[in-house]
Structure formats: structure tokens, C-alpha cells
Amino acid sequence: MFNRRLFVVMLLTALLASMLLMTSGCIRSRSNVQTQGRYIGDQTVARIEPGKTTREWVLAVMEEPTSKSRLESGVEIWKWSYQRVKTSSGSVLFLVAGSGRDETIRNVYVEFEGDIVRQVWRD
């Protein structure tokens, strides 16, 4: 004899199982990277020799700084700032979700006395 209730339960179970199989491993992820400023690499900074490197060379290689400050003593400090922000998010089957943010900030400073580099540093 045909059991209609058992048939409906089995049909719904099969439908649910097929939906789970179709979505299993369904992973969504997104990431975005934004940068601001000019990145000055370690090798470039290492080429600057206090007492020898000129303002003209620094400007040619590193381009315009983010800011310039002149002290009363006549010393001038140039600053290059760089910021990188990476945001990411993801989810699995719409059940488990997460997000993250990674931020990198680097600054390079060059101090000039006249047209010659006096010192260079980064933070």
C-alpha cells in the first residue's frame, strides 16, 4: 500500500539533501587594497649617504615629499608618508562569516642642512 506521508517526508529529505550538496563548499571571499602616498623602499633609503647625498638627488629619486618643515635653525626636514589598508571578508554557506583589516603605515624622513642630507630615518 502507498504511504503518502512517508513519500512526502522522503521527497523533502531528498530535496534538502540535494540543496546541501549543491551549496557545499560554497565559499565567498572579497578583499580590497587601498594605498595612499609614496612607498620608499629600504634599498632606496640605504643609498642616501648623510654628508654626501644632495637635495637634488633625493628629489629626483624619491620625488616630492608628502610634507616639508623648516626649523628656525635653517634645517629642513622632508617627510614621505605611505599607507596601505587591506580589508577582507568571507563567508561559508552564509553560516560562518569573518572579516579582517590589515594596515601598514610607513614614514621616511630626510633632514637637510643646506643642500646636503644631514640624516635619514624611518618609523
PDB file of N, CA and C in Angstrom:
ATOM      1  N   MET A   1       0.826  -1.165   0.000  1.00  0.00           N
ATOM      2  CA  MET A   1       0.000   0.000   0.000  1.00  0.00           C
ATOM      3  C   MET A   1       0.884   1.247   0.000  1.00  0.00           C
ATOM      4  N   PHE A   2       0.463   2.277  -0.652  1.00  0.00           N
ATOM      5  CA  PHE A   2       1.219   3.512  -0.806  1.00  0.00           C
ATOM      6  C   PHE A   2       1.015   4.408   0.419  1.00  0.00           C
ATOM      7  N   ASN A   3       2.130   4.780   1.075  1.00  0.00           N
ATOM      8  CA  ASN A   3       2.074   5.650   2.244  1.00  0.00           C
ATOM      9  C   ASN A   3       2.446   7.070   1.795  1.00  0.00           C
ATOM     10  N   ARG A   4       1.447   7.886   1.679  1.00  0.00           N
ATOM     11  CA  ARG A   4       1.649   9.233   1.163  1.00  0.00           C
ATOM     12  C   ARG A   4       2.530  10.086   2.088  1.00  0.00           C
ATOM     13  N   ARG A   5       2.349   9.981   3.369  1.00  0.00           N
ATOM     14  CA  ARG A   5       3.128  10.744   4.343  1.00  0.00           C
ATOM     15  C   ARG A   5       4.607  10.375   4.248  1.00  0.00           C
ATOM     16  N   LEU A   6       4.908   9.092   4.164  1.00  0.00           N
ATOM     17  CA  LEU A   6       6.294   8.639   4.031  1.00  0.00           C
ATOM     18  C   LEU A   6       6.890   9.154   2.731  1.00  0.00           C
ATOM     19  N   PHE A   7       6.120   9.158   1.665  1.00  0.00           N
ATOM     20  CA  PHE A   7       6.592   9.657   0.365  1.00  0.00           C
ATOM     21  C   PHE A   7       6.954  11.143   0.450  1.00  0.00           C
ATOM     22  N   VAL A   8       6.128  11.963   1.101  1.00  0.00           N
ATOM     23  CA  VAL A   8       6.386  13.406   1.241  1.00  0.00           C
ATOM     24  C   VAL A   8       7.642  13.641   2.076  1.00  0.00           C
ATOM     25  N   VAL A   9       7.802  12.907   3.157  1.00  0.00           N
ATOM     26  CA  VAL A   9       8.992  13.039   4.006  1.00  0.00           C
ATOM     27  C   VAL A   9      10.241  12.668   3.219  1.00  0.00           C
ATOM     28  N   MET A  10      10.195  11.589   2.470  1.00  0.00           N
ATOM     29  CA  MET A  10      11.352  11.160   1.672  1.00  0.00           C
ATOM     30  C   MET A  10      11.660  12.174   0.575  1.00  0.00           C
ATOM     31  N   LEU A  11      10.631  12.728  -0.047  1.00  0.00           N
ATOM     32  CA  LEU A  11      10.822  13.728  -1.092  1.00  0.00           C
ATOM     33  C   LEU A  11      11.452  14.996  -0.520  1.00  0.00           C
ATOM     34  N   LEU A  12      10.967  15.455   0.618  1.00  0.00           N
ATOM     35  CA  LEU A  12      11.541  16.640   1.259  1.00  0.00           C
ATOM     36  C   LEU A  12      12.977  16.392   1.707  1.00  0.00           C
ATOM     37  N   THR A  13      13.248  15.210   2.217  1.00  0.00           N
ATOM     38  CA  THR A  13      14.606  14.855   2.629  1.00  0.00           C
ATOM     39  C   THR A  13      15.545  14.853   1.425  1.00  0.00           C
ATOM     40  N   ALA A  14      15.091  14.277   0.323  1.00  0.00           N
ATOM     41  CA  ALA A  14      15.903  14.247  -0.893  1.00  0.00           C
ATOM     42  C   ALA A  14      16.143  15.659  -1.425  1.00  0.00           C
ATOM     43  N   LEU A  15      15.126  16.496  -1.373  1.00  0.00           N
ATOM     44  CA  LEU A  15      15.250  17.873  -1.834  1.00  0.00           C
ATOM     45  C   LEU A  15      16.237  18.652  -0.962  1.00  0.00           C
ATOM     46  N   LEU A  16      16.133  18.506   0.334  1.00  0.00           N
ATOM     47  CA  LEU A  16      17.046  19.178   1.258  1.00  0.00           C
ATOM     48  C   LEU A  16      18.483  18.691   1.061  1.00  0.00           C
ATOM     49  N   ALA A  17      18.654  17.382   0.908  1.00  0.00           N
ATOM     50  CA  ALA A  17      19.991  16.808   0.696  1.00  0.00           C
ATOM     51  C   ALA A  17      20.603  17.336  -0.603  1.00  0.00           C
ATOM     52  N   SER A  18      19.806  17.424  -1.659  1.00  0.00           N
ATOM     53  CA  SER A  18      20.347  17.921  -2.925  1.00  0.00           C
ATOM     54  C   SER A  18      20.710  19.397  -2.826  1.00  0.00           C
ATOM     55  N   MET A  19      19.935  20.178  -2.076  1.00  0.00           N
ATOM     56  CA  MET A  19      20.270  21.583  -1.889  1.00  0.00           C
ATOM     57  C   MET A  19      21.573  21.735  -1.110  1.00  0.00           C
ATOM     58  N   LEU A  20      21.764  20.918  -0.103  1.00  0.00           N
ATOM     59  CA  LEU A  20      23.006  20.968   0.672  1.00  0.00           C
ATOM     60  C   LEU A  20      24.196  20.567  -0.186  1.00  0.00           C
ATOM     61  N   LEU A  21      24.034  19.572  -1.017  1.00  0.00           N
ATOM     62  CA  LEU A  21      25.120  19.151  -1.895  1.00  0.00           C
ATOM     63  C   LEU A  21      25.459  20.226  -2.908  1.00  0.00           C
ATOM     64  N   MET A  22      24.466  20.911  -3.410  1.00  0.00           N
ATOM     65  CA  MET A  22      24.708  21.961  -4.395  1.00  0.00           C
ATOM     66  C   MET A  22      25.446  23.140  -3.780  1.00  0.00           C
ATOM     67  N   THR A  23      25.202  23.419  -2.496  1.00  0.00           N
ATOM     68  CA  THR A  23      25.833  24.573  -1.873  1.00  0.00           C
ATOM     69  C   THR A  23      27.052  24.201  -1.040  1.00  0.00           C
ATOM     70  N   SER A  24      27.353  22.923  -0.912  1.00  0.00           N
ATOM     71  CA  SER A  24      28.506  22.553  -0.082  1.00  0.00           C
ATOM     72  C   SER A  24      29.783  23.088  -0.718  1.00  0.00           C
ATOM     73  N   GLY A  25      30.635  23.596   0.112  1.00  0.00           N
ATOM     74  CA  GLY A  25      31.883  24.179  -0.366  1.00  0.00           C
ATOM     75  C   GLY A  25      31.697  25.575  -0.934  1.00  0.00           C
ATOM     76  N   CYS A  26      30.526  26.116  -0.781  1.00  0.00           N
ATOM     77  CA  CYS A  26      30.238  27.447  -1.307  1.00  0.00           C
ATOM     78  C   CYS A  26      30.914  28.481  -0.407  1.00  0.00           C
ATOM     79  N   ILE A  27      32.009  29.017  -0.901  1.00  0.00           N
ATOM     80  CA  ILE A  27      32.794  29.975  -0.120  1.00  0.00           C
ATOM     81  C   ILE A  27      32.827  31.287  -0.888  1.00  0.00           C
ATOM     82  N   ARG A  28      32.527  32.351  -0.198  1.00  0.00           N
ATOM     83  CA  ARG A  28      32.604  33.680  -0.801  1.00  0.00           C
ATOM     84  C   ARG A  28      33.689  34.456  -0.078  1.00  0.00           C
ATOM     85  N   SER A  29      34.515  35.126  -0.853  1.00  0.00           N
ATOM     86  CA  SER A  29      35.528  35.975  -0.227  1.00  0.00           C
ATOM     87  C   SER A  29      35.720  37.229  -1.071  1.00  0.00           C
ATOM     88  N   ARG A  30      36.124  38.279  -0.379  1.00  0.00           N
ATOM     89  CA  ARG A  30      36.351  39.558  -1.021  1.00  0.00           C
ATOM     90  C   ARG A  30      37.493  40.263  -0.333  1.00  0.00           C
ATOM     91  N   SER A  31      38.332  40.908  -1.111  1.00  0.00           N
ATOM     92  CA  SER A  31      39.383  41.713  -0.498  1.00  0.00           C
ATOM     93  C   SER A  31      39.564  42.994  -1.304  1.00  0.00           C
ATOM     94  N   ASN A  32      40.037  44.015  -0.611  1.00  0.00           N
ATOM     95  CA  ASN A  32      40.226  45.317  -1.220  1.00  0.00           C
ATOM     96  C   ASN A  32      41.503  45.917  -0.638  1.00  0.00           C
ATOM     97  N   VAL A  33      42.352  46.464  -1.507  1.00  0.00           N
ATOM     98  CA  VAL A  33      43.587  47.104  -1.063  1.00  0.00           C
ATOM     99  C   VAL A  33      43.574  48.554  -1.525  1.00  0.00           C
ATOM    100  N   GLN A  34      43.796  49.460  -0.593  1.00  0.00           N
ATOM    101  CA  GLN A  34      43.884  50.877  -0.911  1.00  0.00           C
ATOM    102  C   GLN A  34      45.231  51.394  -0.440  1.00  0.00           C
ATOM    103  N   THR A  35      45.878  52.182  -1.269  1.00  0.00           N
ATOM    104  CA  THR A  35      47.155  52.778  -0.893  1.00  0.00           C
ATOM    105  C   THR A  35      47.063  54.291  -1.027  1.00  0.00           C
ATOM    106  N   GLN A  36      47.859  54.945  -0.222  1.00  0.00           N
ATOM    107  CA  GLN A  36      47.917  56.397  -0.256  1.00  0.00           C
ATOM    108  C   GLN A  36      49.356  56.802   0.006  1.00  0.00           C
ATOM    109  N   GLY A  37      49.846  57.754  -0.744  1.00  0.00           N
ATOM    110  CA  GLY A  37      51.203  58.238  -0.563  1.00  0.00           C
ATOM    111  C   GLY A  37      52.190  57.502  -1.438  1.00  0.00           C
ATOM    112  N   ARG A  38      53.459  57.722  -1.168  1.00  0.00           N
ATOM    113  CA  ARG A  38      54.537  57.122  -1.965  1.00  0.00           C
ATOM    114  C   ARG A  38      55.356  56.207  -1.071  1.00  0.00           C
ATOM    115  N   TYR A  39      55.469  54.933  -1.477  1.00  0.00           N
ATOM    116  CA  TYR A  39      56.272  53.973  -0.733  1.00  0.00           C
ATOM    117  C   TYR A  39      57.746  54.171  -1.093  1.00  0.00           C
ATOM    118  N   ILE A  40      58.584  54.312  -0.092  1.00  0.00           N
ATOM    119  CA  ILE A  40      60.034  54.435  -0.281  1.00  0.00           C
ATOM    120  C   ILE A  40      60.656  53.169   0.295  1.00  0.00           C
ATOM    121  N   GLY A  41      61.255  52.358  -0.550  1.00  0.00           N
ATOM    122  CA  GLY A  41      61.811  51.073  -0.135  1.00  0.00           C
ATOM    123  C   GLY A  41      63.107  51.193   0.648  1.00  0.00           C
ATOM    124  N   ASP A  42      63.445  50.124   1.346  1.00  0.00           N
ATOM    125  CA  ASP A  42      64.664  50.085   2.161  1.00  0.00           C
ATOM    126  C   ASP A  42      65.923  50.295   1.325  1.00  0.00           C
ATOM    127  N   GLN A  43      65.947  49.756   0.114  1.00  0.00           N
ATOM    128  CA  GLN A  43      67.134  49.907  -0.737  1.00  0.00           C
ATOM    129  C   GLN A  43      67.353  51.357  -1.142  1.00  0.00           C
ATOM    130  N   THR A  44      66.267  52.063  -1.382  1.00  0.00           N
ATOM    131  CA  THR A  44      66.382  53.489  -1.734  1.00  0.00           C
ATOM    132  C   THR A  44      66.919  54.279  -0.547  1.00  0.00           C
ATOM    133  N   VAL A  45      66.376  54.034   0.636  1.00  0.00           N
ATOM    134  CA  VAL A  45      66.834  54.728   1.845  1.00  0.00           C
ATOM    135  C   VAL A  45      68.307  54.418   2.106  1.00  0.00           C
ATOM    136  N   ALA A  46      68.725  53.186   1.866  1.00  0.00           N
ATOM    137  CA  ALA A  46      70.119  52.784   2.111  1.00  0.00           C
ATOM    138  C   ALA A  46      71.104  53.512   1.190  1.00  0.00           C
ATOM    139  N   ARG A  47      70.637  54.001   0.060  1.00  0.00           N
ATOM    140  CA  ARG A  47      71.526  54.702  -0.882  1.00  0.00           C
ATOM    141  C   ARG A  47      71.783  56.156  -0.478  1.00  0.00           C
ATOM    142  N   ILE A  48      71.031  56.650   0.479  1.00  0.00           N
ATOM    143  CA  ILE A  48      71.222  58.034   0.927  1.00  0.00           C
ATOM    144  C   ILE A  48      72.377  58.069   1.924  1.00  0.00           C
ATOM    145  N   GLU A  49      73.393  58.861   1.622  1.00  0.00           N
ATOM    146  CA  GLU A  49      74.573  58.961   2.486  1.00  0.00           C
ATOM    147  C   GLU A  49      74.617  60.336   3.142  1.00  0.00           C
ATOM    148  N   PRO A  50      74.367  60.387   4.465  1.00  0.00           N
ATOM    149  CA  PRO A  50      74.458  61.674   5.156  1.00  0.00           C
ATOM    150  C   PRO A  50      75.831  62.313   4.942  1.00  0.00           C
ATOM    151  N   GLY A  51      75.814  63.625   4.700  1.00  0.00           N
ATOM    152  CA  GLY A  51      77.054  64.357   4.462  1.00  0.00           C
ATOM    153  C   GLY A  51      77.474  64.347   3.005  1.00  0.00           C
ATOM    154  N   LYS A  52      76.847  63.527   2.148  1.00  0.00           N
ATOM    155  CA  LYS A  52      77.226  63.429   0.729  1.00  0.00           C
ATOM    156  C   LYS A  52      76.051  63.620  -0.227  1.00  0.00           C
ATOM    157  N   THR A  53      74.927  62.975   0.063  1.00  0.00           N
ATOM    158  CA  THR A  53      73.794  62.992  -0.862  1.00  0.00           C
ATOM    159  C   THR A  53      73.166  64.382  -0.901  1.00  0.00           C
ATOM    160  N   THR A  54      72.831  64.838  -2.108  1.00  0.00           N
ATOM    161  CA  THR A  54      72.278  66.184  -2.280  1.00  0.00           C
ATOM    162  C   THR A  54      70.753  66.181  -2.290  1.00  0.00           C
ATOM    163  N   ARG A  55      70.199  67.361  -2.029  1.00  0.00           N
ATOM    164  CA  ARG A  55      68.756  67.588  -2.087  1.00  0.00           C
ATOM    165  C   ARG A  55      68.242  67.262  -3.499  1.00  0.00           C
ATOM    166  N   GLU A  56      68.982  67.652  -4.497  1.00  0.00           N
ATOM    167  CA  GLU A  56      68.602  67.406  -5.890  1.00  0.00           C
ATOM    168  C   GLU A  56      68.469  65.905  -6.177  1.00  0.00           C
ATOM    169  N   TRP A  57      69.419  65.112  -5.678  1.00  0.00           N
ATOM    170  CA  TRP A  57      69.369  63.656  -5.887  1.00  0.00           C
ATOM    171  C   TRP A  57      68.152  63.066  -5.182  1.00  0.00           C
ATOM    172  N   VAL A  58      67.916  63.462  -3.945  1.00  0.00           N
ATOM    173  CA  VAL A  58      66.765  62.949  -3.180  1.00  0.00           C
ATOM    174  C   VAL A  58      65.470  63.260  -3.921  1.00  0.00           C
ATOM    175  N   LEU A  59      65.328  64.478  -4.408  1.00  0.00           N
ATOM    176  CA  LEU A  59      64.121  64.874  -5.126  1.00  0.00           C
ATOM    177  C   LEU A  59      63.968  64.092  -6.427  1.00  0.00           C
ATOM    178  N   ALA A  60      65.059  63.849  -7.128  1.00  0.00           N
ATOM    179  CA  ALA A  60      64.998  63.099  -8.388  1.00  0.00           C
ATOM    180  C   ALA A  60      64.610  61.640  -8.167  1.00  0.00           C
ATOM    181  N   VAL A  61      65.102  61.052  -7.103  1.00  0.00           N
ATOM    182  CA  VAL A  61      64.864  59.630  -6.855  1.00  0.00           C
ATOM    183  C   VAL A  61      63.558  59.383  -6.110  1.00  0.00           C
ATOM    184  N   MET A  62      63.276  60.192  -5.115  1.00  0.00           N
ATOM    185  CA  MET A  62      62.120  59.945  -4.242  1.00  0.00           C
ATOM    186  C   MET A  62      60.918  60.818  -4.568  1.00  0.00           C
ATOM    187  N   GLU A  63      61.074  61.753  -5.485  1.00  0.00           N
ATOM    188  CA  GLU A  63      60.022  62.681  -5.893  1.00  0.00           C
ATOM    189  C   GLU A  63      59.601  63.580  -4.735  1.00  0.00           C
ATOM    190  N   GLU A  64      58.559  64.367  -4.966  1.00  0.00           N
ATOM    191  CA  GLU A  64      58.119  65.337  -3.961  1.00  0.00           C
ATOM    192  C   GLU A  64      57.697  64.650  -2.663  1.00  0.00           C
ATOM    193  N   PRO A  65      58.118  65.191  -1.526  1.00  0.00           N
ATOM    194  CA  PRO A  65      57.705  64.614  -0.244  1.00  0.00           C
ATOM    195  C   PRO A  65      56.248  64.949   0.079  1.00  0.00           C
ATOM    196  N   THR A  66      55.703  64.220   1.021  1.00  0.00           N
ATOM    197  CA  THR A  66      54.346  64.488   1.498  1.00  0.00           C
ATOM    198  C   THR A  66      54.286  65.835   2.208  1.00  0.00           C
ATOM    199  N   SER A  67      55.348  66.133   2.980  1.00  0.00           N
ATOM    200  CA  SER A  67      55.398  67.427   3.679  1.00  0.00           C
ATOM    201  C   SER A  67      56.854  67.866   3.856  1.00  0.00           C
ATOM    202  N   LYS A  68      57.012  69.172   4.036  1.00  0.00           N
ATOM    203  CA  LYS A  68      58.325  69.772   4.298  1.00  0.00           C
ATOM    204  C   LYS A  68      58.184  70.691   5.504  1.00  0.00           C
ATOM    205  N   SER A  69      59.180  70.648   6.394  1.00  0.00           N
ATOM    206  CA  SER A  69      59.190  71.520   7.570  1.00  0.00           C
ATOM    207  C   SER A  69      60.545  72.203   7.673  1.00  0.00           C
ATOM    208  N   ARG A  70      60.517  73.493   7.917  1.00  0.00           N
ATOM    209  CA  ARG A  70      61.768  74.235   8.098  1.00  0.00           C
ATOM    210  C   ARG A  70      61.845  74.690   9.551  1.00  0.00           C
ATOM    211  N   LEU A  71      62.962  74.360  10.195  1.00  0.00           N
ATOM    212  CA  LEU A  71      63.183  74.755  11.584  1.00  0.00           C
ATOM    213  C   LEU A  71      63.854  76.125  11.632  1.00  0.00           C
ATOM    214  N   GLU A  72      63.790  76.779  12.789  1.00  0.00           N
ATOM    215  CA  GLU A  72      64.411  78.100  12.945  1.00  0.00           C
ATOM    216  C   GLU A  72      65.908  78.067  12.680  1.00  0.00           C
ATOM    217  N   SER A  73      66.523  76.943  12.950  1.00  0.00           N
ATOM    218  CA  SER A  73      67.968  76.812  12.749  1.00  0.00           C
ATOM    219  C   SER A  73      68.348  76.744  11.270  1.00  0.00           C
ATOM    220  N   GLY A  74      67.357  76.667  10.387  1.00  0.00           N
ATOM    221  CA  GLY A  74      67.635  76.575   8.959  1.00  0.00           C
ATOM    222  C   GLY A  74      67.602  75.148   8.437  1.00  0.00           C
ATOM    223  N   VAL A  75      67.545  74.179   9.340  1.00  0.00           N
ATOM    224  CA  VAL A  75      67.453  72.774   8.945  1.00  0.00           C
ATOM    225  C   VAL A  75      66.073  72.515   8.363  1.00  0.00           C
ATOM    226  N   GLU A  76      66.015  71.722   7.305  1.00  0.00           N
ATOM    227  CA  GLU A  76      64.744  71.387   6.683  1.00  0.00           C
ATOM    228  C   GLU A  76      64.541  69.871   6.753  1.00  0.00           C
ATOM    229  N   ILE A  77      63.330  69.452   7.092  1.00  0.00           N
ATOM    230  CA  ILE A  77      63.003  68.022   7.175  1.00  0.00           C
ATOM    231  C   ILE A  77      61.899  67.720   6.179  1.00  0.00           C
ATOM    232  N   TRP A  78      62.177  66.737   5.312  1.00  0.00           N
ATOM    233  CA  TRP A  78      61.186  66.274   4.345  1.00  0.00           C
ATOM    234  C   TRP A  78      60.648  64.940   4.824  1.00  0.00           C
ATOM    235  N   LYS A  79      59.344  64.742   4.636  1.00  0.00           N
ATOM    236  CA  LYS A  79      58.686  63.513   5.090  1.00  0.00           C
ATOM    237  C   LYS A  79      57.884  62.898   3.941  1.00  0.00           C
ATOM    238  N   TRP A  80      58.078  61.590   3.746  1.00  0.00           N
ATOM    239  CA  TRP A  80      57.281  60.817   2.791  1.00  0.00           C
ATOM    240  C   TRP A  80      56.436  59.848   3.600  1.00  0.00           C
ATOM    241  N   SER A  81      55.123  59.897   3.414  1.00  0.00           N
ATOM    242  CA  SER A  81      54.204  59.014   4.138  1.00  0.00           C
ATOM    243  C   SER A  81      53.573  58.024   3.169  1.00  0.00           C
ATOM    244  N   TYR A  82      53.373  56.816   3.661  1.00  0.00           N
ATOM    245  CA  TYR A  82      52.748  55.769   2.861  1.00  0.00           C
ATOM    246  C   TYR A  82      51.791  54.997   3.761  1.00  0.00           C
ATOM    247  N   GLN A  83      50.593  54.731   3.242  1.00  0.00           N
ATOM    248  CA  GLN A  83      49.611  53.950   3.991  1.00  0.00           C
ATOM    249  C   GLN A  83      48.993  52.925   3.055  1.00  0.00           C
ATOM    250  N   ARG A  84      48.912  51.697   3.536  1.00  0.00           N
ATOM    251  CA  ARG A  84      48.289  50.606   2.780  1.00  0.00           C
ATOM    252  C   ARG A  84      47.262  49.950   3.698  1.00  0.00           C
ATOM    253  N   VAL A  85      46.015  49.873   3.226  1.00  0.00           N
ATOM    254  CA  VAL A  85      44.946  49.264   4.015  1.00  0.00           C
ATOM    255  C   VAL A  85      44.337  48.135   3.187  1.00  0.00           C
ATOM    256  N   LYS A  86      44.368  46.935   3.754  1.00  0.00           N
ATOM    257  CA  LYS A  86      43.759  45.782   3.096  1.00  0.00           C
ATOM    258  C   LYS A  86      42.598  45.308   3.966  1.00  0.00           C
ATOM    259  N   THR A  87      41.423  45.263   3.370  1.00  0.00           N
ATOM    260  CA  THR A  87      40.254  44.747   4.069  1.00  0.00           C
ATOM    261  C   THR A  87      39.795  43.492   3.343  1.00  0.00           C
ATOM    262  N   SER A  88      39.331  42.523   4.109  1.00  0.00           N
ATOM    263  CA  SER A  88      38.858  41.280   3.517  1.00  0.00           C
ATOM    264  C   SER A  88      37.671  40.756   4.309  1.00  0.00           C
ATOM    265  N   SER A  89      36.830  40.017   3.606  1.00  0.00           N
ATOM    266  CA  SER A  89      35.692  39.393   4.260  1.00  0.00           C
ATOM    267  C   SER A  89      35.378  38.100   3.523  1.00  0.00           C
ATOM    268  N   GLY A  90      34.725  37.196   4.219  1.00  0.00           N
ATOM    269  CA  GLY A  90      34.368  35.923   3.610  1.00  0.00           C
ATOM    270  C   GLY A  90      33.273  35.228   4.378  1.00  0.00           C
ATOM    271  N   SER A  91      32.648  34.282   3.710  1.00  0.00           N
ATOM    272  CA  SER A  91      31.600  33.502   4.369  1.00  0.00           C
ATOM    273  C   SER A  91      31.549  32.118   3.749  1.00  0.00           C
ATOM    274  N   VAL A  92      31.048  31.167   4.535  1.00  0.00           N
ATOM    275  CA  VAL A  92      30.862  29.795   4.087  1.00  0.00           C
ATOM    276  C   VAL A  92      29.400  29.448   4.326  1.00  0.00           C
ATOM    277  N   LEU A  93      28.707  29.131   3.252  1.00  0.00           N
ATOM    278  CA  LEU A  93      27.297  28.734   3.322  1.00  0.00           C
ATOM    279  C   LEU A  93      26.425  29.736   4.065  1.00  0.00           C
ATOM    280  N   PHE A  94      26.821  30.992   4.067  1.00  0.00           N
ATOM    281  CA  PHE A  94      26.070  32.035   4.748  1.00  0.00           C
ATOM    282  C   PHE A  94      25.933  31.768   6.253  1.00  0.00           C
ATOM    283  N   LEU A  95      26.675  30.801   6.769  1.00  0.00           N
ATOM    284  CA  LEU A  95      26.572  30.453   8.184  1.00  0.00           C
ATOM    285  C   LEU A  95      27.737  31.013   8.987  1.00  0.00           C
ATOM    286  N   VAL A  96      28.928  30.925   8.429  1.00  0.00           N
ATOM    287  CA  VAL A  96      30.127  31.379   9.118  1.00  0.00           C
ATOM    288  C   VAL A  96      30.700  32.538   8.312  1.00  0.00           C
ATOM    289  N   ALA A  97      30.903  33.654   8.959  1.00  0.00           N
ATOM    290  CA  ALA A  97      31.424  34.827   8.257  1.00  0.00           C
ATOM    291  C   ALA A  97      32.536  35.455   9.081  1.00  0.00           C
ATOM    292  N   GLY A  98      33.435  36.131   8.398  1.00  0.00           N
ATOM    293  CA  GLY A  98      34.523  36.809   9.092  1.00  0.00           C
ATOM    294  C   GLY A  98      35.037  37.954   8.252  1.00  0.00           C
ATOM    295  N   SER A  99      35.772  38.840   8.898  1.00  0.00           N
ATOM    296  CA  SER A  99      36.367  39.958   8.174  1.00  0.00           C
ATOM    297  C   SER A  99      37.669  40.340   8.861  1.00  0.00           C
ATOM    298  N   GLY A 100      38.509  41.041   8.121  1.00  0.00           N
ATOM    299  CA  GLY A 100      39.788  41.453   8.682  1.00  0.00           C
ATOM    300  C   GLY A 100      40.254  42.755   8.067  1.00  0.00           C
ATOM    301  N   ARG A 101      41.167  43.402   8.751  1.00  0.00           N
ATOM    302  CA  ARG A 101      41.742  44.665   8.282  1.00  0.00           C
ATOM    303  C   ARG A 101      43.214  44.657   8.648  1.00  0.00           C
ATOM    304  N   ASP A 102      44.049  44.935   7.650  1.00  0.00           N
ATOM    305  CA  ASP A 102      45.494  44.985   7.851  1.00  0.00           C
ATOM    306  C   ASP A 102      45.972  46.345   7.363  1.00  0.00           C
ATOM    307  N   GLU A 103      46.593  47.100   8.256  1.00  0.00           N
ATOM    308  CA  GLU A 103      47.020  48.456   7.900  1.00  0.00           C
ATOM    309  C   GLU A 103      48.525  48.595   8.098  1.00  0.00           C
ATOM    310  N   THR A 104      49.192  49.157   7.087  1.00  0.00           N
ATOM    311  CA  THR A 104      50.625  49.406   7.144  1.00  0.00           C
ATOM    312  C   THR A 104      50.855  50.895   6.940  1.00  0.00           C
ATOM    313  N   ILE A 105      51.574  51.508   7.865  1.00  0.00           N
ATOM    314  CA  ILE A 105      51.923  52.918   7.748  1.00  0.00           C
ATOM    315  C   ILE A 105      53.439  53.022   7.863  1.00  0.00           C
ATOM    316  N   ARG A 106      54.038  53.686   6.883  1.00  0.00           N
ATOM    317  CA  ARG A 106      55.496  53.878   6.907  1.00  0.00           C
ATOM    318  C   ARG A 106      55.814  55.321   6.569  1.00  0.00           C
ATOM    319  N   ASN A 107      56.759  55.863   7.279  1.00  0.00           N
ATOM    320  CA  ASN A 107      57.222  57.226   7.037  1.00  0.00           C
ATOM    321  C   ASN A 107      58.733  57.215   6.874  1.00  0.00           C
ATOM    322  N   VAL A 108      59.229  58.033   5.954  1.00  0.00           N
ATOM    323  CA  VAL A 108      60.661  58.232   5.764  1.00  0.00           C
ATOM    324  C   VAL A 108      60.924  59.725   5.934  1.00  0.00           C
ATOM    325  N   TYR A 109      61.974  60.034   6.686  1.00  0.00           N
ATOM    326  CA  TYR A 109      62.345  61.424   6.947  1.00  0.00           C
ATOM    327  C   TYR A 109      63.764  61.658   6.446  1.00  0.00           C
ATOM    328  N   VAL A 110      63.963  62.800   5.801  1.00  0.00           N
ATOM    329  CA  VAL A 110      65.304  63.211   5.377  1.00  0.00           C
ATOM    330  C   VAL A 110      65.508  64.628   5.884  1.00  0.00           C
ATOM    331  N   GLU A 111      66.597  64.801   6.616  1.00  0.00           N
ATOM    332  CA  GLU A 111      66.926  66.114   7.173  1.00  0.00           C
ATOM    333  C   GLU A 111      68.060  66.722   6.360  1.00  0.00           C
ATOM    334  N   PHE A 112      67.853  67.966   5.928  1.00  0.00           N
ATOM    335  CA  PHE A 112      68.853  68.668   5.126  1.00  0.00           C
ATOM    336  C   PHE A 112      69.432  69.833   5.908  1.00  0.00           C
ATOM    337  N   GLU A 113      70.720  70.019   5.737  1.00  0.00           N
ATOM    338  CA  GLU A 113      71.390  71.233   6.203  1.00  0.00           C
ATOM    339  C   GLU A 113      71.988  71.838   4.941  1.00  0.00           C
ATOM    340  N   GLY A 114      71.405  72.955   4.513  1.00  0.00           N
ATOM    341  CA  GLY A 114      71.757  73.497   3.195  1.00  0.00           C
ATOM    342  C   GLY A 114      71.198  72.556   2.135  1.00  0.00           C
ATOM    343  N   ASP A 115      72.042  72.180   1.187  1.00  0.00           N
ATOM    344  CA  ASP A 115      71.603  71.266   0.112  1.00  0.00           C
ATOM    345  C   ASP A 115      72.081  69.836   0.319  1.00  0.00           C
ATOM    346  N   ILE A 116      72.645  69.531   1.488  1.00  0.00           N
ATOM    347  CA  ILE A 116      73.203  68.206   1.759  1.00  0.00           C
ATOM    348  C   ILE A 116      72.395  67.496   2.843  1.00  0.00           C
ATOM    349  N   VAL A 117      72.209  66.181   2.673  1.00  0.00           N
ATOM    350  CA  VAL A 117      71.494  65.376   3.669  1.00  0.00           C
ATOM    351  C   VAL A 117      72.315  65.328   4.953  1.00  0.00           C
ATOM    352  N   ARG A 118      71.668  65.621   6.046  1.00  0.00           N
ATOM    353  CA  ARG A 118      72.317  65.544   7.362  1.00  0.00           C
ATOM    354  C   ARG A 118      72.037  64.192   8.012  1.00  0.00           C
ATOM    355  N   GLN A 119      70.783  63.723   7.926  1.00  0.00           N
ATOM    356  CA  GLN A 119      70.426  62.393   8.418  1.00  0.00           C
ATOM    357  C   GLN A 119      69.149  61.899   7.748  1.00  0.00           C
ATOM    358  N   VAL A 120      68.951  60.592   7.817  1.00  0.00           N
ATOM    359  CA  VAL A 120      67.759  59.963   7.240  1.00  0.00           C
ATOM    360  C   VAL A 120      67.298  58.868   8.198  1.00  0.00           C
ATOM    361  N   TRP A 121      65.995  58.726   8.360  1.00  0.00           N
ATOM    362  CA  TRP A 121      65.458  57.661   9.219  1.00  0.00           C
ATOM    363  C   TRP A 121      64.027  57.343   8.801  1.00  0.00           C
ATOM    364  N   ARG A 122      63.529  56.259   9.323  1.00  0.00           N
ATOM    365  CA  ARG A 122      62.141  55.853   9.064  1.00  0.00           C
ATOM    366  C   ARG A 122      61.514  55.382  10.355  1.00  0.00           C
ATOM    367  N   ASP A 123      60.203  55.437  10.396  1.00  0.00           N
ATOM    368  CA  ASP A 123      59.485  54.877  11.553  1.00  0.00           C
ATOM    369  C   ASP A 123      58.342  54.031  11.066  1.00  0.00           C
TER     370      ASP A 123
END
